[in-house]
Amino acid sequence: MLERLWAPWRSQYVAGIADTGSEPGEATLFEQILAAPEPEEETGILWRGATCFAVLNAFPYGSGHLMVVPNRPAADLADLSDNESDELWAAVRAAVAAIRRAYNPDGVNVGLNLGAAAGAGIPGHLHIHCLPRWRGDTNFMTTSAETRVLPEPLAESWSKLRSAWEGG
């Protein structure tokens, strides 16, 4: 039997995720976040560059999970200009450094899913996941209870990562 661990603080985000930009001409979720008038503490934006930005993952695998995203929707790495690609990978390096400064993890996962078949939640707008990992950070909750346990609120993750981001 599937048990539930209630996290009502997530309901605001879930209610606002109706549009992922799957229809032609629609703004992707990442474009909406980038253009949102709310303060960065609310949107989760950690850093803005000329062609890319970093944002906290609102559905994290663990605390400190962020994504580096091109400003412009691109479904594949080949769709990026040289400038976008250069800044994207420089931002991934900066993200990993910020994660290490903020969390002192044993390791860091960096991952990219290109296309829906590969698991991309927003296939038209690639994004690179970066998240801290520790020895022994797996537990029975995910595998047997289908539940993730996050030890800190998103606002605290944002604050830690924002202050650890070089130049932030």
Protein backbone atom coordinates (compact mmCIF):
# COMPACT_ATOMS: atom_id res chain seq x y z
CA MET A 1 0.00 0.00 0.00
CA LEU A 2 1.32 3.44 -0.97
CA GLU A 3 1.64 5.72 2.05
CA ARG A 4 1.51 9.49 1.89
CA LEU A 5 3.76 11.97 3.63
CA TRP A 6 1.95 15.28 3.37
CA ALA A 7 3.95 18.35 2.35
CA PRO A 8 1.32 21.10 1.96
CA TRP A 9 3.97 23.77 1.28
CA ARG A 10 4.36 22.23 -2.21
CA SER A 11 0.73 22.83 -3.20
CA GLN A 12 1.38 26.41 -4.34
CA TYR A 13 4.01 25.23 -6.82
CA VAL A 14 1.94 22.30 -8.06
CA ALA A 15 -1.07 24.58 -8.62
CA GLY A 16 1.05 26.97 -10.67
CA ILE A 17 2.64 24.42 -12.98
CA ALA A 18 -0.28 24.08 -15.40
CA ASP A 19 1.72 25.26 -18.42
CA THR A 20 5.04 23.67 -19.34
CA GLY A 21 5.09 25.27 -22.78
CA SER A 22 4.23 22.11 -24.65
CA GLU A 23 2.10 23.91 -27.20
CA PRO A 24 3.75 25.83 -30.07
CA GLY A 25 4.11 29.52 -29.25
CA GLU A 26 3.59 29.05 -25.50
CA ALA A 27 6.26 30.14 -23.07
CA THR A 28 7.96 27.23 -21.35
CA LEU A 29 7.90 26.93 -17.58
CA PHE A 30 11.52 28.14 -17.50
CA GLU A 31 10.69 31.20 -19.63
CA GLN A 32 7.82 31.95 -17.25
CA ILE A 33 10.10 31.69 -14.22
CA LEU A 34 12.74 33.88 -15.86
CA ALA A 35 10.14 36.57 -16.73
CA ALA A 36 8.25 36.41 -13.42
CA PRO A 37 7.94 39.73 -11.59
CA GLU A 38 8.30 38.10 -8.15
CA PRO A 39 11.58 38.44 -6.24
CA GLU A 40 14.23 35.81 -6.89
CA GLU A 41 13.69 34.35 -3.40
CA GLU A 42 10.20 33.41 -4.60
CA THR A 43 11.04 32.27 -8.13
CA GLY A 44 14.06 30.33 -6.91
CA ILE A 45 16.45 32.00 -9.35
CA LEU A 46 19.97 31.76 -7.94
CA TRP A 47 21.97 33.42 -10.73
CA ARG A 48 21.33 35.18 -14.06
CA GLY A 49 23.82 35.32 -16.91
CA ALA A 50 23.62 36.82 -20.39
CA THR A 51 22.21 33.63 -21.97
CA CYS A 52 21.54 31.24 -19.05
CA PHE A 53 20.31 31.16 -15.47
CA ALA A 54 20.32 28.85 -12.46
CA VAL A 55 17.18 28.04 -10.50
CA LEU A 56 16.38 25.93 -7.47
CA ASN A 57 14.42 22.79 -8.34
CA ALA A 58 10.96 23.10 -6.76
CA PHE A 59 10.61 19.29 -6.87
CA PRO A 60 14.08 18.38 -5.55
CA TYR A 61 15.54 14.90 -5.27
CA GLY A 62 17.30 16.27 -2.19
CA SER A 63 18.16 19.58 -0.57
CA GLY A 64 20.35 21.80 -2.75
CA HIS A 65 19.03 20.41 -6.07
CA LEU A 66 19.29 23.14 -8.71
CA MET A 67 19.10 23.42 -12.49
CA VAL A 68 21.13 25.42 -15.00
CA VAL A 69 18.95 26.51 -17.92
CA PRO A 70 19.46 28.44 -21.15
CA ASN A 71 17.28 31.57 -21.24
CA ARG A 72 16.05 30.59 -24.70
CA PRO A 73 14.20 27.29 -25.19
CA ALA A 74 16.40 24.68 -26.84
CA ALA A 75 15.44 21.02 -27.02
CA ASP A 76 18.94 19.73 -27.74
CA LEU A 77 22.54 20.75 -27.10
CA ALA A 78 22.99 21.18 -30.86
CA ASP A 79 20.28 23.88 -30.76
CA LEU A 80 22.46 26.15 -28.59
CA SER A 81 24.71 28.85 -30.00
CA ASP A 82 28.40 28.67 -29.10
CA ASN A 83 27.92 31.54 -26.62
CA GLU A 84 24.95 29.79 -24.98
CA SER A 85 26.83 26.52 -24.76
CA ASP A 86 29.93 28.17 -23.29
CA GLU A 87 27.92 30.00 -20.65
CA LEU A 88 25.79 26.93 -19.86
CA TRP A 89 28.82 24.77 -19.07
CA ALA A 90 30.56 27.58 -17.17
CA ALA A 91 27.39 27.96 -15.10
CA VAL A 92 27.31 24.21 -14.42
CA ARG A 93 30.89 24.47 -13.09
CA ALA A 94 29.84 27.45 -10.93
CA ALA A 95 26.76 25.53 -9.72
CA VAL A 96 28.84 22.54 -8.64
CA ALA A 97 31.26 24.87 -6.83
CA ALA A 98 28.33 26.59 -5.05
CA ILE A 99 26.85 23.23 -4.05
CA ARG A 100 30.21 22.16 -2.63
CA ARG A 101 30.60 25.44 -0.68
CA ALA A 102 27.02 25.40 0.63
CA TYR A 103 26.67 21.70 1.50
CA ASN A 104 30.12 20.08 1.63
CA PRO A 105 28.71 16.89 0.02
CA ASP A 106 30.62 13.66 -0.64
CA GLY A 107 29.75 13.98 -4.34
CA VAL A 108 27.61 15.87 -6.84
CA ASN A 109 25.26 14.50 -9.49
CA VAL A 110 25.14 16.44 -12.78
CA GLY A 111 22.56 15.24 -15.28
CA LEU A 112 20.72 16.14 -18.47
CA ASN A 113 17.72 14.39 -20.05
CA LEU A 114 17.29 15.22 -23.74
CA GLY A 115 13.79 14.43 -25.02
CA ALA A 116 10.69 13.00 -23.39
CA ALA A 117 11.85 9.41 -23.92
CA ALA A 118 14.99 10.21 -21.90
CA GLY A 119 12.88 11.56 -19.03
CA ALA A 120 12.87 15.29 -19.80
CA GLY A 121 9.96 16.89 -17.96
CA ILE A 122 10.14 19.93 -20.24
CA PRO A 123 11.50 18.42 -23.46
CA GLY A 124 11.49 21.67 -25.45
CA HIS A 125 13.73 23.50 -22.95
CA LEU A 126 16.81 21.58 -21.86
CA HIS A 127 18.12 22.00 -18.32
CA ILE A 128 21.02 20.50 -16.41
CA HIS A 129 20.36 19.13 -12.93
CA CYS A 130 23.04 19.56 -10.24
CA LEU A 131 22.55 18.12 -6.77
CA PRO A 132 24.66 17.27 -3.76
CA ARG A 133 25.01 13.65 -2.65
CA TRP A 134 26.35 12.01 0.47
CA ARG A 135 27.44 8.48 1.30
CA GLY A 136 24.45 6.87 2.90
CA ASP A 137 21.95 9.49 1.70
CA THR A 138 19.71 6.77 0.34
CA ASN A 139 17.17 5.35 2.74
CA PHE A 140 14.16 3.12 2.83
CA MET A 141 11.67 5.97 2.38
CA THR A 142 12.21 6.40 -1.38
CA THR A 143 12.52 2.72 -2.22
CA SER A 144 9.89 1.22 0.05
CA ALA A 145 7.59 4.12 0.87
CA GLU A 146 7.85 6.02 -2.45
CA THR A 147 8.48 9.18 -0.41
CA ARG A 148 11.33 11.68 -0.33
CA VAL A 149 12.39 13.25 2.93
CA LEU A 150 13.98 16.70 2.58
CA PRO A 151 15.79 18.02 5.66
CA GLU A 152 15.42 21.72 4.85
CA PRO A 153 12.78 24.02 3.33
CA LEU A 154 13.32 25.35 -0.19
CA ALA A 155 13.82 28.90 1.12
CA GLU A 156 16.78 27.71 3.19
CA SER A 157 18.27 25.85 0.20
CA TRP A 158 17.88 29.01 -1.90
CA SER A 159 19.58 31.14 0.75
CA LYS A 160 22.52 28.73 1.15
CA LEU A 161 23.11 28.36 -2.57
CA ARG A 162 22.61 32.04 -3.39
CA SER A 163 25.21 33.10 -0.85
CA ALA A 164 27.59 30.33 -1.98
CA TRP A 165 27.29 31.24 -5.69
CA GLU A 166 30.47 32.97 -6.77
CA GLY A 167 29.73 36.67 -7.11
CA GLY A 168 26.26 36.21 -5.61
